[in-house]
Amino acid sequence: MAEKFDSLEEHLEKFVENIRQLGIIVSDFQPSSQTGLNQKLNFMVTGLQDIDKCRQQLHDISVPLEVFE
């Protein structure tokens, strides 16, 4: 069962790291960093698509409400 979560965990970790790097680029934005910003935004879109694909493997998993408290 844990194998189902490995892919999701990997994609989430990459996505979070990409968001962190994006924040650095945006906070110190220079016109010369536009290309890097565009790349990171494209990686975000791809990352969200990858996370969405993982959803199909986990559709039968239910999370107790206590987890969110």
PDB file of N, CA and C in Angstrom:
ATOM      1  N   MET A   1       0.827  -1.191   0.000  1.00  0.00           N
ATOM      2  CA  MET A   1       0.000   0.000   0.000  1.00  0.00           C
ATOM      3  C   MET A   1       0.874   1.259   0.000  1.00  0.00           C
ATOM      4  N   ALA A   2       1.998   1.203   0.673  1.00  0.00           N
ATOM      5  CA  ALA A   2       2.869   2.384   0.758  1.00  0.00           C
ATOM      6  C   ALA A   2       3.397   2.783  -0.622  1.00  0.00           C
ATOM      7  N   GLU A   3       3.508   1.824  -1.523  1.00  0.00           N
ATOM      8  CA  GLU A   3       4.004   2.128  -2.868  1.00  0.00           C
ATOM      9  C   GLU A   3       3.099   3.133  -3.580  1.00  0.00           C
ATOM     10  N   LYS A   4       1.815   3.093  -3.249  1.00  0.00           N
ATOM     11  CA  LYS A   4       0.873   4.026  -3.859  1.00  0.00           C
ATOM     12  C   LYS A   4       1.224   5.466  -3.510  1.00  0.00           C
ATOM     13  N   PHE A   5       1.762   5.653  -2.320  1.00  0.00           N
ATOM     14  CA  PHE A   5       2.053   7.003  -1.846  1.00  0.00           C
ATOM     15  C   PHE A   5       3.435   7.497  -2.256  1.00  0.00           C
ATOM     16  N   ASP A   6       4.325   6.592  -2.643  1.00  0.00           N
ATOM     17  CA  ASP A   6       5.694   6.989  -2.981  1.00  0.00           C
ATOM     18  C   ASP A   6       5.740   7.983  -4.132  1.00  0.00           C
ATOM     19  N   SER A   7       4.994   7.702  -5.174  1.00  0.00           N
ATOM     20  CA  SER A   7       4.977   8.596  -6.327  1.00  0.00           C
ATOM     21  C   SER A   7       4.396   9.954  -5.954  1.00  0.00           C
ATOM     22  N   LEU A   8       3.305   9.945  -5.218  1.00  0.00           N
ATOM     23  CA  LEU A   8       2.691  11.205  -4.778  1.00  0.00           C
ATOM     24  C   LEU A   8       3.651  11.992  -3.899  1.00  0.00           C
ATOM     25  N   GLU A   9       4.310  11.308  -2.979  1.00  0.00           N
ATOM     26  CA  GLU A   9       5.259  11.982  -2.095  1.00  0.00           C
ATOM     27  C   GLU A   9       6.396  12.618  -2.895  1.00  0.00           C
ATOM     28  N   GLU A  10       6.911  11.890  -3.860  1.00  0.00           N
ATOM     29  CA  GLU A  10       7.996  12.417  -4.699  1.00  0.00           C
ATOM     30  C   GLU A  10       7.550  13.656  -5.471  1.00  0.00           C
ATOM     31  N   HIS A  11       6.370  13.598  -6.067  1.00  0.00           N
ATOM     32  CA  HIS A  11       5.851  14.737  -6.828  1.00  0.00           C
ATOM     33  C   HIS A  11       5.581  15.938  -5.921  1.00  0.00           C
ATOM     34  N   LEU A  12       5.060  15.691  -4.732  1.00  0.00           N
ATOM     35  CA  LEU A  12       4.799  16.784  -3.794  1.00  0.00           C
ATOM     36  C   LEU A  12       6.096  17.438  -3.324  1.00  0.00           C
ATOM     37  N   GLU A  13       7.114  16.629  -3.070  1.00  0.00           N
ATOM     38  CA  GLU A  13       8.398  17.186  -2.648  1.00  0.00           C
ATOM     39  C   GLU A  13       9.002  18.057  -3.747  1.00  0.00           C
ATOM     40  N   LYS A  14       8.936  17.586  -4.988  1.00  0.00           N
ATOM     41  CA  LYS A  14       9.447  18.379  -6.116  1.00  0.00           C
ATOM     42  C   LYS A  14       8.651  19.676  -6.266  1.00  0.00           C
ATOM     43  N   PHE A  15       7.337  19.578  -6.091  1.00  0.00           N
ATOM     44  CA  PHE A  15       6.479  20.744  -6.244  1.00  0.00           C
ATOM     45  C   PHE A  15       6.785  21.789  -5.174  1.00  0.00           C
ATOM     46  N   VAL A  16       6.948  21.334  -3.933  1.00  0.00           N
ATOM     47  CA  VAL A  16       7.252  22.257  -2.836  1.00  0.00           C
ATOM     48  C   VAL A  16       8.605  22.929  -3.072  1.00  0.00           C
ATOM     49  N   GLU A  17       9.592  22.169  -3.513  1.00  0.00           N
ATOM     50  CA  GLU A  17      10.908  22.749  -3.797  1.00  0.00           C
ATOM     51  C   GLU A  17      10.810  23.768  -4.926  1.00  0.00           C
ATOM     52  N   ASN A  18      10.018  23.469  -5.934  1.00  0.00           N
ATOM     53  CA  ASN A  18       9.828  24.396  -7.044  1.00  0.00           C
ATOM     54  C   ASN A  18       9.169  25.688  -6.563  1.00  0.00           C
ATOM     55  N   ILE A  19       8.195  25.575  -5.679  1.00  0.00           N
ATOM     56  CA  ILE A  19       7.527  26.754  -5.108  1.00  0.00           C
ATOM     57  C   ILE A  19       8.534  27.587  -4.313  1.00  0.00           C
ATOM     58  N   ARG A  20       9.386  26.927  -3.543  1.00  0.00           N
ATOM     59  CA  ARG A  20      10.406  27.637  -2.756  1.00  0.00           C
ATOM     60  C   ARG A  20      11.331  28.425  -3.684  1.00  0.00           C
ATOM     61  N   GLN A  21      11.800  27.765  -4.746  1.00  0.00           N
ATOM     62  CA  GLN A  21      12.688  28.440  -5.700  1.00  0.00           C
ATOM     63  C   GLN A  21      11.961  29.576  -6.419  1.00  0.00           C
ATOM     64  N   LEU A  22      10.711  29.370  -6.728  1.00  0.00           N
ATOM     65  CA  LEU A  22       9.920  30.411  -7.376  1.00  0.00           C
ATOM     66  C   LEU A  22       9.802  31.633  -6.468  1.00  0.00           C
ATOM     67  N   GLY A  23       9.608  31.409  -5.185  1.00  0.00           N
ATOM     68  CA  GLY A  23       9.536  32.517  -4.232  1.00  0.00           C
ATOM     69  C   GLY A  23      10.818  33.319  -4.190  1.00  0.00           C
ATOM     70  N   ILE A  24      11.950  32.646  -4.286  1.00  0.00           N
ATOM     71  CA  ILE A  24      13.244  33.331  -4.300  1.00  0.00           C
ATOM     72  C   ILE A  24      13.374  34.187  -5.556  1.00  0.00           C
ATOM     73  N   ILE A  25      13.004  33.628  -6.688  1.00  0.00           N
ATOM     74  CA  ILE A  25      13.095  34.375  -7.955  1.00  0.00           C
ATOM     75  C   ILE A  25      12.197  35.608  -7.908  1.00  0.00           C
ATOM     76  N   VAL A  26      10.981  35.432  -7.422  1.00  0.00           N
ATOM     77  CA  VAL A  26      10.014  36.535  -7.400  1.00  0.00           C
ATOM     78  C   VAL A  26      10.428  37.619  -6.401  1.00  0.00           C
ATOM     79  N   SER A  27      10.948  37.204  -5.247  1.00  0.00           N
ATOM     80  CA  SER A  27      11.297  38.201  -4.234  1.00  0.00           C
ATOM     81  C   SER A  27      12.483  39.067  -4.647  1.00  0.00           C
ATOM     82  N   ASP A  28      13.316  38.554  -5.520  1.00  0.00           N
ATOM     83  CA  ASP A  28      14.483  39.312  -5.973  1.00  0.00           C
ATOM     84  C   ASP A  28      14.430  39.457  -7.498  1.00  0.00           C
ATOM     85  N   PHE A  29      13.241  39.751  -8.018  1.00  0.00           N
ATOM     86  CA  PHE A  29      13.044  39.743  -9.468  1.00  0.00           C
ATOM     87  C   PHE A  29      13.832  40.849 -10.167  1.00  0.00           C
ATOM     88  N   GLN A  30      14.480  40.431 -11.229  1.00  0.00           N
ATOM     89  CA  GLN A  30      15.167  41.334 -12.145  1.00  0.00           C
ATOM     90  C   GLN A  30      14.667  40.983 -13.546  1.00  0.00           C
ATOM     91  N   PRO A  31      14.598  41.938 -14.444  1.00  0.00           N
ATOM     92  CA  PRO A  31      14.139  41.620 -15.807  1.00  0.00           C
ATOM     93  C   PRO A  31      14.932  40.484 -16.453  1.00  0.00           C
ATOM     94  N   SER A  32      16.191  40.347 -16.085  1.00  0.00           N
ATOM     95  CA  SER A  32      17.011  39.275 -16.667  1.00  0.00           C
ATOM     96  C   SER A  32      16.601  37.888 -16.159  1.00  0.00           C
ATOM     97  N   SER A  33      15.820  37.832 -15.090  1.00  0.00           N
ATOM     98  CA  SER A  33      15.402  36.533 -14.556  1.00  0.00           C
ATOM     99  C   SER A  33      14.033  36.099 -15.085  1.00  0.00           C
ATOM    100  N   GLN A  34      13.522  36.793 -16.088  1.00  0.00           N
ATOM    101  CA  GLN A  34      12.216  36.454 -16.649  1.00  0.00           C
ATOM    102  C   GLN A  34      12.180  35.034 -17.207  1.00  0.00           C
ATOM    103  N   THR A  35      13.254  34.620 -17.877  1.00  0.00           N
ATOM    104  CA  THR A  35      13.294  33.273 -18.452  1.00  0.00           C
ATOM    105  C   THR A  35      13.215  32.222 -17.352  1.00  0.00           C
ATOM    106  N   GLY A  36      13.974  32.416 -16.275  1.00  0.00           N
ATOM    107  CA  GLY A  36      13.934  31.479 -15.149  1.00  0.00           C
ATOM    108  C   GLY A  36      12.568  31.440 -14.494  1.00  0.00           C
ATOM    109  N   LEU A  37      11.938  32.594 -14.383  1.00  0.00           N
ATOM    110  CA  LEU A  37      10.589  32.665 -13.815  1.00  0.00           C
ATOM    111  C   LEU A  37       9.606  31.886 -14.686  1.00  0.00           C
ATOM    112  N   ASN A  38       9.698  32.078 -15.984  1.00  0.00           N
ATOM    113  CA  ASN A  38       8.805  31.357 -16.903  1.00  0.00           C
ATOM    114  C   ASN A  38       9.014  29.848 -16.796  1.00  0.00           C
ATOM    115  N   GLN A  39      10.266  29.425 -16.665  1.00  0.00           N
ATOM    116  CA  GLN A  39      10.562  28.004 -16.517  1.00  0.00           C
ATOM    117  C   GLN A  39       9.929  27.444 -15.249  1.00  0.00           C
ATOM    118  N   LYS A  40      10.084  28.168 -14.146  1.00  0.00           N
ATOM    119  CA  LYS A  40       9.531  27.696 -12.879  1.00  0.00           C
ATOM    120  C   LYS A  40       8.002  27.625 -12.941  1.00  0.00           C
ATOM    121  N   LEU A  41       7.385  28.591 -13.605  1.00  0.00           N
ATOM    122  CA  LEU A  41       5.926  28.557 -13.750  1.00  0.00           C
ATOM    123  C   LEU A  41       5.496  27.344 -14.580  1.00  0.00           C
ATOM    124  N   ASN A  42       6.250  27.047 -15.625  1.00  0.00           N
ATOM    125  CA  ASN A  42       5.944  25.855 -16.427  1.00  0.00           C
ATOM    126  C   ASN A  42       6.140  24.586 -15.608  1.00  0.00           C
ATOM    127  N   PHE A  43       7.186  24.546 -14.763  1.00  0.00           N
ATOM    128  CA  PHE A  43       7.401  23.393 -13.892  1.00  0.00           C
ATOM    129  C   PHE A  43       6.252  23.249 -12.900  1.00  0.00           C
ATOM    130  N   MET A  44       5.702  24.369 -12.437  1.00  0.00           N
ATOM    131  CA  MET A  44       4.555  24.308 -11.527  1.00  0.00           C
ATOM    132  C   MET A  44       3.356  23.657 -12.202  1.00  0.00           C
ATOM    133  N   VAL A  45       3.089  24.060 -13.426  1.00  0.00           N
ATOM    134  CA  VAL A  45       1.959  23.491 -14.166  1.00  0.00           C
ATOM    135  C   VAL A  45       2.173  21.996 -14.363  1.00  0.00           C
ATOM    136  N   THR A  46       3.375  21.619 -14.777  1.00  0.00           N
ATOM    137  CA  THR A  46       3.691  20.206 -14.972  1.00  0.00           C
ATOM    138  C   THR A  46       3.577  19.442 -13.655  1.00  0.00           C
ATOM    139  N   GLY A  47       4.063  20.050 -12.576  1.00  0.00           N
ATOM    140  CA  GLY A  47       3.986  19.410 -11.264  1.00  0.00           C
ATOM    141  C   GLY A  47       2.557  19.182 -10.820  1.00  0.00           C
ATOM    142  N   LEU A  48       1.694  20.153 -11.047  1.00  0.00           N
ATOM    143  CA  LEU A  48       0.282  19.986 -10.701  1.00  0.00           C
ATOM    144  C   LEU A  48      -0.370  18.892 -11.539  1.00  0.00           C
ATOM    145  N   GLN A  49       0.023  18.795 -12.804  1.00  0.00           N
ATOM    146  CA  GLN A  49      -0.500  17.733 -13.664  1.00  0.00           C
ATOM    147  C   GLN A  49      -0.041  16.363 -13.168  1.00  0.00           C
ATOM    148  N   ASP A  50       1.218  16.268 -12.742  1.00  0.00           N
ATOM    149  CA  ASP A  50       1.733  15.004 -12.207  1.00  0.00           C
ATOM    150  C   ASP A  50       1.017  14.610 -10.928  1.00  0.00           C
ATOM    151  N   ILE A  51       0.762  15.586 -10.055  1.00  0.00           N
ATOM    152  CA  ILE A  51       0.043  15.311  -8.812  1.00  0.00           C
ATOM    153  C   ILE A  51      -1.375  14.849  -9.127  1.00  0.00           C
ATOM    154  N   ASP A  52      -1.996  15.462 -10.118  1.00  0.00           N
ATOM    155  CA  ASP A  52      -3.348  15.064 -10.509  1.00  0.00           C
ATOM    156  C   ASP A  52      -3.370  13.626 -11.036  1.00  0.00           C
ATOM    157  N   LYS A  53      -2.333  13.230 -11.749  1.00  0.00           N
ATOM    158  CA  LYS A  53      -2.256  11.852 -12.258  1.00  0.00           C
ATOM    159  C   LYS A  53      -2.170  10.854 -11.109  1.00  0.00           C
ATOM    160  N   CYS A  54      -1.510  11.237 -10.027  1.00  0.00           N
ATOM    161  CA  CYS A  54      -1.409  10.353  -8.860  1.00  0.00           C
ATOM    162  C   CYS A  54      -2.775  10.131  -8.223  1.00  0.00           C
ATOM    163  N   ARG A  55      -3.649  11.073  -8.394  1.00  0.00           N
ATOM    164  CA  ARG A  55      -4.986  10.991  -7.797  1.00  0.00           C
ATOM    165  C   ARG A  55      -5.721   9.739  -8.264  1.00  0.00           C
ATOM    166  N   GLN A  56      -5.509   9.342  -9.503  1.00  0.00           N
ATOM    167  CA  GLN A  56      -6.180   8.166 -10.049  1.00  0.00           C
ATOM    168  C   GLN A  56      -5.791   6.894  -9.298  1.00  0.00           C
ATOM    169  N   GLN A  57      -4.541   6.840  -8.822  1.00  0.00           N
ATOM    170  CA  GLN A  57      -4.078   5.662  -8.091  1.00  0.00           C
ATOM    171  C   GLN A  57      -4.604   5.635  -6.661  1.00  0.00           C
ATOM    172  N   LEU A  58      -5.024   6.788  -6.150  1.00  0.00           N
ATOM    173  CA  LEU A  58      -5.399   6.894  -4.742  1.00  0.00           C
ATOM    174  C   LEU A  58      -6.889   7.136  -4.533  1.00  0.00           C
ATOM    175  N   HIS A  59      -7.692   6.935  -5.560  1.00  0.00           N
ATOM    176  CA  HIS A  59      -9.118   7.250  -5.456  1.00  0.00           C
ATOM    177  C   HIS A  59      -9.841   6.414  -4.398  1.00  0.00           C
ATOM    178  N   ASP A  60      -9.294   5.255  -4.048  1.00  0.00           N
ATOM    179  CA  ASP A  60      -9.972   4.371  -3.089  1.00  0.00           C
ATOM    180  C   ASP A  60      -9.492   4.582  -1.651  1.00  0.00           C
ATOM    181  N   ILE A  61      -8.655   5.571  -1.409  1.00  0.00           N
ATOM    182  CA  ILE A  61      -8.128   5.856  -0.079  1.00  0.00           C
ATOM    183  C   ILE A  61      -9.001   6.901   0.609  1.00  0.00           C
ATOM    184  N   SER A  62      -9.382   6.626   1.847  1.00  0.00           N
ATOM    185  CA  SER A  62     -10.139   7.636   2.593  1.00  0.00           C
ATOM    186  C   SER A  62      -9.267   8.115   3.762  1.00  0.00           C
ATOM    187  N   VAL A  63      -9.284   9.392   3.992  1.00  0.00           N
ATOM    188  CA  VAL A  63      -8.487  10.013   5.047  1.00  0.00           C
ATOM    189  C   VAL A  63      -9.415  10.420   6.174  1.00  0.00           C
ATOM    190  N   PRO A  64      -9.117   9.989   7.403  1.00  0.00           N
ATOM    191  CA  PRO A  64      -9.970  10.380   8.528  1.00  0.00           C
ATOM    192  C   PRO A  64      -9.925  11.892   8.750  1.00  0.00           C
ATOM    193  N   LEU A  65     -11.042  12.466   9.151  1.00  0.00           N
ATOM    194  CA  LEU A  65     -11.104  13.911   9.380  1.00  0.00           C
ATOM    195  C   LEU A  65     -10.145  14.370  10.470  1.00  0.00           C
ATOM    196  N   GLU A  66      -9.811  13.499  11.409  1.00  0.00           N
ATOM    197  CA  GLU A  66      -8.912  13.850  12.494  1.00  0.00           C
ATOM    198  C   GLU A  66      -7.535  14.275  11.968  1.00  0.00           C
ATOM    199  N   VAL A  67      -7.152  13.785  10.827  1.00  0.00           N
ATOM    200  CA  VAL A  67      -5.851  14.127  10.242  1.00  0.00           C
ATOM    201  C   VAL A  67      -5.763  15.626   9.956  1.00  0.00           C
ATOM    202  N   PHE A  68      -6.872  16.240   9.633  1.00  0.00           N
ATOM    203  CA  PHE A  68      -6.890  17.637   9.239  1.00  0.00           C
ATOM    204  C   PHE A  68      -7.042  18.595  10.421  1.00  0.00           C
ATOM    205  N   GLU A  69      -7.242  18.067  11.599  1.00  0.00           N
ATOM    206  CA  GLU A  69      -7.437  18.920  12.773  1.00  0.00           C
ATOM    207  C   GLU A  69      -6.125  19.418  13.319  1.00  0.00           C
TER     208      GLU A  69
END
